[in-house]
Amino acid sequence: KAEPKAAEPKAAQPKALVNGWVVQVGAFNANGVAGREVEKLQGKGYPAFVFTEADGTPGPKFKVRVGPYSGRADADKTLRALTKEGYKPLLKR
């Protein structure tokens, strides 16, 4: 039985915040733009999701992230792959 793709990134989000590494690919002011970027990354096989900052947080509210990864080496590998694809990713814990 196939699971909806949208459910997977949401489930990954809390784990990423607690004890994993994520690679941030972009930050956007519009959720729709962030969502399209996530779809593009998922189409390439990356476990991408949108992280939404709390209201009142300065800067763009919608962060496109890939992960989580339990080890930094895996996150670094993804960071290098995304850099080769033209992104300017950041490593976050």
Protein backbone atom coordinates (compact mmCIF):
# COMPACT_ATOMS: atom_id res chain seq x y z
CA LYS A 1 0.00 0.00 0.00
CA ALA A 2 1.51 3.31 -1.11
CA GLU A 3 1.88 6.09 1.43
CA PRO A 4 1.42 9.74 0.38
CA LYS A 5 4.78 11.42 -0.17
CA ALA A 6 3.76 14.57 1.70
CA ALA A 7 3.40 12.62 4.97
CA GLU A 8 7.03 11.46 5.02
CA PRO A 9 8.75 14.88 5.26
CA LYS A 10 6.37 16.05 8.00
CA ALA A 11 7.17 12.97 10.09
CA ALA A 12 10.90 13.62 9.68
CA GLN A 13 10.76 17.22 10.89
CA PRO A 14 10.66 16.77 14.70
CA LYS A 15 13.48 14.21 14.64
CA ALA A 16 15.63 16.65 12.66
CA LEU A 17 15.12 19.27 15.33
CA VAL A 18 15.98 17.00 18.24
CA ASN A 19 19.03 14.97 17.28
CA GLY A 20 19.78 14.95 13.58
CA TRP A 21 21.56 16.92 10.92
CA VAL A 22 19.70 18.62 8.09
CA VAL A 23 20.90 20.40 4.99
CA GLN A 24 19.09 23.68 4.39
CA VAL A 25 18.71 24.37 0.69
CA GLY A 26 16.75 27.61 0.72
CA ALA A 27 14.59 30.04 2.67
CA PHE A 28 11.45 31.58 1.20
CA ASN A 29 8.76 34.06 2.18
CA ALA A 30 6.02 32.04 0.45
CA ASN A 31 5.05 28.49 1.39
CA GLY A 32 4.03 27.75 -2.22
CA VAL A 33 7.51 28.56 -3.52
CA ALA A 34 9.10 26.42 -0.79
CA GLY A 35 6.69 23.57 -1.59
CA ARG A 36 7.64 23.59 -5.27
CA GLU A 37 11.32 23.42 -4.35
CA VAL A 38 10.60 20.44 -2.06
CA GLU A 39 8.78 18.66 -4.90
CA LYS A 40 11.75 19.26 -7.19
CA LEU A 41 14.21 17.86 -4.62
CA GLN A 42 11.99 14.87 -3.81
CA GLY A 43 11.81 14.16 -7.54
CA LYS A 44 15.61 13.84 -7.47
CA GLY A 45 15.39 11.40 -4.56
CA TYR A 46 16.22 13.75 -1.67
CA PRO A 47 14.20 13.48 1.59
CA ALA A 48 13.19 17.16 1.43
CA PHE A 49 10.62 18.96 3.58
CA VAL A 50 9.49 22.47 4.49
CA PHE A 51 10.35 23.69 7.99
CA THR A 52 8.13 26.60 9.06
CA GLU A 53 9.65 29.09 11.51
CA ALA A 54 7.52 30.37 14.39
CA ASP A 55 5.54 33.56 13.86
CA GLY A 56 7.65 36.59 14.69
CA THR A 57 10.94 34.95 13.69
CA PRO A 58 12.92 37.42 11.55
CA GLY A 59 13.76 36.56 7.96
CA PRO A 60 12.07 34.16 5.55
CA LYS A 61 9.61 31.88 7.33
CA PHE A 62 9.68 28.77 5.11
CA LYS A 63 12.95 26.79 5.06
CA VAL A 64 13.54 24.00 2.56
CA ARG A 65 15.59 21.29 4.22
CA VAL A 66 16.84 17.81 3.34
CA GLY A 67 17.23 15.06 5.92
CA PRO A 68 17.38 14.34 8.75
CA TYR A 69 20.65 12.46 8.92
CA SER A 70 21.81 10.83 12.14
CA GLY A 71 25.47 11.36 11.29
CA ARG A 72 27.31 14.41 10.08
CA ALA A 73 29.14 12.41 7.37
CA ASP A 74 25.84 11.60 5.63
CA ALA A 75 24.72 15.23 5.87
CA ASP A 76 28.09 16.40 4.47
CA LYS A 77 27.74 13.99 1.55
CA THR A 78 24.30 15.41 0.72
CA LEU A 79 25.63 18.96 1.13
CA ARG A 80 28.39 18.25 -1.42
CA ALA A 81 25.92 16.64 -3.85
CA LEU A 82 23.54 19.61 -3.62
CA THR A 83 26.43 22.05 -4.08
CA LYS A 84 27.38 20.24 -7.33
CA GLU A 85 23.76 20.67 -8.47
CA GLY A 86 24.06 24.45 -8.08
CA TYR A 87 22.51 24.95 -4.65
CA LYS A 88 24.17 26.91 -1.85
CA PRO A 89 23.23 24.63 1.06
CA LEU A 90 23.93 25.08 4.77
CA LEU A 91 24.42 22.38 7.38
CA LYS A 92 22.08 22.65 10.39
CA ARG A 93 21.72 20.65 13.56
